[in-house]
Amino acid sequence: MTDLKSQKRMASEVLDVGKNRVWIDPDNTEKVEEAITRNDIRNLVESGVIQKKDVKGTSKGRARDKKKQKAKGRRKGQGNRKGKKTARKDSKEEWQEKIRAIRKRLKEMKEEEEVSNDEYWDLYDMAKGGFFRNTKHLENHVENKLE
């Protein structure tokens, strides 16, 4: 094969891309060989003998697959974690979720008359103080207290 180094260099400057992105039609190497000026190169670009290759990008396919798996709750094991427990889920948000659930259950218990109004407020204050771990703990406490 002939040496088209200077033509490729000129083509890269004309097309304003790197040398690796210049494509020369292998069937028309004779035409390219004869091209010695930039104008000749421009004409070959117009005729399609010399073209610029597309930029290679990074595929998002694997990232999409990974995102789907994470949405299902996968890939969250010990080996995939970086950062402390509190960095991954804020302790305040954790507390808000917990206390809202407990207060909601307390309200239901009051409406169903499982607890009286006085007991409700005692339990409410206990919940605020962080006594209950979760709603089950609250329910067990109420059951044991009533027995």
Protein backbone atom coordinates (compact mmCIF):
# COMPACT_ATOMS: atom_id res chain seq x y z
CA MET A 1 0.00 0.00 0.00
CA THR A 2 1.18 3.50 -0.77
CA ASP A 3 2.22 6.07 1.78
CA LEU A 4 -0.61 8.62 2.24
CA LYS A 5 0.81 10.21 5.38
CA SER A 6 0.91 13.80 4.09
CA GLN A 7 -2.57 13.49 2.50
CA LYS A 8 -3.97 12.16 5.76
CA ARG A 9 -2.33 15.01 7.67
CA MET A 10 -3.76 17.61 5.28
CA ALA A 11 -7.18 15.95 5.42
CA SER A 12 -7.15 16.03 9.22
CA GLU A 13 -6.41 19.77 9.11
CA VAL A 14 -9.07 20.43 6.46
CA LEU A 15 -11.71 18.38 8.31
CA ASP A 16 -10.54 19.79 11.68
CA VAL A 17 -10.24 16.35 13.31
CA GLY A 18 -7.38 14.13 14.45
CA LYS A 19 -5.49 11.89 12.01
CA ASN A 20 -7.10 8.78 13.48
CA ARG A 21 -10.56 10.06 12.52
CA VAL A 22 -9.71 10.48 8.83
CA TRP A 23 -11.08 7.70 6.58
CA ILE A 24 -9.72 7.26 3.08
CA ASP A 25 -11.65 5.07 0.65
CA PRO A 26 -9.38 2.05 -0.03
CA ASP A 27 -10.73 1.76 -3.61
CA ASN A 28 -9.61 5.29 -4.52
CA THR A 29 -6.07 5.41 -3.10
CA GLU A 30 -4.70 6.41 -6.53
CA LYS A 31 -6.83 9.59 -6.54
CA VAL A 32 -5.71 10.43 -3.02
CA GLU A 33 -2.07 9.76 -3.95
CA GLU A 34 -2.32 12.35 -6.74
CA ALA A 35 -3.77 14.99 -4.38
CA ILE A 36 -0.90 17.21 -3.31
CA THR A 37 -2.67 20.45 -2.36
CA ARG A 38 -5.26 21.26 0.27
CA ASN A 39 -7.66 22.18 -2.49
CA ASP A 40 -7.29 18.70 -3.98
CA ILE A 41 -8.06 17.26 -0.55
CA ARG A 42 -11.15 19.50 -0.21
CA ASN A 43 -12.42 18.21 -3.56
CA LEU A 44 -11.91 14.60 -2.42
CA VAL A 45 -13.81 15.36 0.79
CA GLU A 46 -16.71 16.77 -1.24
CA SER A 47 -16.76 13.70 -3.50
CA GLY A 48 -16.78 11.40 -0.44
CA VAL A 49 -13.42 9.71 -1.05
CA ILE A 50 -12.13 11.17 2.22
CA GLN A 51 -14.51 11.27 5.19
CA LYS A 52 -14.31 11.85 8.90
CA LYS A 53 -15.18 8.99 11.24
CA ASP A 54 -17.70 9.46 14.02
CA VAL A 55 -16.48 10.10 17.55
CA LYS A 56 -16.45 6.95 19.66
CA GLY A 57 -18.47 7.43 22.81
CA THR A 58 -19.02 5.42 25.97
CA SER A 59 -22.07 3.19 25.80
CA LYS A 60 -24.77 3.84 28.40
CA GLY A 61 -26.18 0.31 28.05
CA ARG A 62 -24.35 -1.21 31.01
CA ALA A 63 -25.13 1.83 33.14
CA ARG A 64 -28.86 1.45 32.34
CA ASP A 65 -28.78 -2.23 33.28
CA LYS A 66 -27.05 -1.37 36.55
CA LYS A 67 -29.65 1.30 37.31
CA LYS A 68 -32.51 -1.17 36.72
CA GLN A 69 -30.91 -3.64 39.12
CA LYS A 70 -30.46 -0.94 41.77
CA ALA A 71 -34.11 0.08 41.37
CA LYS A 72 -35.03 -3.50 42.27
CA GLY A 73 -32.86 -3.25 45.37
CA ARG A 74 -29.94 -5.30 44.07
CA ARG A 75 -26.24 -4.39 44.18
CA LYS A 76 -26.47 -2.85 47.63
CA GLY A 77 -24.43 -5.39 49.58
CA GLN A 78 -21.39 -4.77 51.71
CA GLY A 79 -19.00 -4.84 48.75
CA ASN A 80 -20.83 -2.08 46.89
CA ARG A 81 -20.96 0.44 49.72
CA LYS A 82 -18.79 3.47 50.12
CA GLY A 83 -19.30 5.89 52.94
CA LYS A 84 -20.71 5.46 56.42
CA LYS A 85 -24.22 4.28 57.16
CA THR A 86 -25.14 7.86 58.05
CA ALA A 87 -23.75 9.14 54.76
CA ARG A 88 -25.89 6.72 52.76
CA LYS A 89 -29.05 7.49 54.71
CA ASP A 90 -29.24 10.57 56.88
CA SER A 91 -30.03 9.82 60.51
CA LYS A 92 -32.61 12.62 60.54
CA GLU A 93 -34.47 11.10 57.58
CA GLU A 94 -34.35 7.72 59.28
CA TRP A 95 -35.83 9.23 62.44
CA GLN A 96 -38.56 11.03 60.48
CA GLU A 97 -39.63 7.81 58.76
CA LYS A 98 -39.68 5.93 62.04
CA ILE A 99 -41.52 8.53 64.13
CA ARG A 100 -44.13 9.19 61.44
CA ALA A 101 -44.91 5.48 61.19
CA ILE A 102 -45.16 5.15 64.99
CA ARG A 103 -47.38 8.22 65.33
CA LYS A 104 -49.63 7.04 62.53
CA ARG A 105 -50.04 3.64 64.24
CA LEU A 106 -50.67 5.36 67.58
CA LYS A 107 -53.42 7.44 66.00
CA GLU A 108 -55.02 4.30 64.53
CA MET A 109 -54.84 2.59 67.93
CA LYS A 110 -56.56 5.59 69.55
CA GLU A 111 -59.32 5.64 66.90
CA GLU A 112 -59.86 1.87 67.28
CA GLU A 113 -59.98 2.46 71.06
CA GLU A 114 -57.11 0.09 71.78
CA VAL A 115 -55.65 2.84 73.97
CA SER A 116 -57.35 5.61 75.93
CA ASN A 117 -56.60 9.29 75.45
CA ASP A 118 -54.33 9.42 78.52
CA GLU A 119 -52.45 6.31 77.45
CA TYR A 120 -52.17 7.73 73.94
CA TRP A 121 -50.34 10.83 75.19
CA ASP A 122 -48.07 8.80 77.46
CA LEU A 123 -47.14 6.59 74.50
CA TYR A 124 -46.79 9.65 72.26
CA ASP A 125 -44.25 11.16 74.66
CA MET A 126 -42.41 7.83 74.92
CA ALA A 127 -42.21 7.68 71.11
CA LYS A 128 -40.86 11.21 71.00
CA GLY A 129 -38.21 10.20 73.52
CA GLY A 130 -37.09 7.39 71.24
CA PHE A 131 -38.39 4.53 73.38
CA PHE A 132 -39.90 2.52 70.51
CA ARG A 133 -37.74 0.94 67.82
CA ASN A 134 -40.65 0.50 65.41
CA THR A 135 -44.42 0.00 65.24
CA LYS A 136 -44.17 -3.67 66.25
CA HIS A 137 -42.29 -2.67 69.39
CA LEU A 138 -45.06 -0.17 70.15
CA GLU A 139 -47.77 -2.81 69.66
CA ASN A 140 -45.93 -5.34 71.86
CA HIS A 141 -45.53 -2.71 74.57
CA VAL A 142 -49.27 -1.91 74.52
CA GLU A 143 -50.21 -5.63 74.60
CA ASN A 144 -47.89 -6.35 77.54
CA LYS A 145 -49.13 -3.29 79.40
CA LEU A 146 -52.77 -4.30 79.01
CA GLU A 147 -52.11 -7.86 80.29
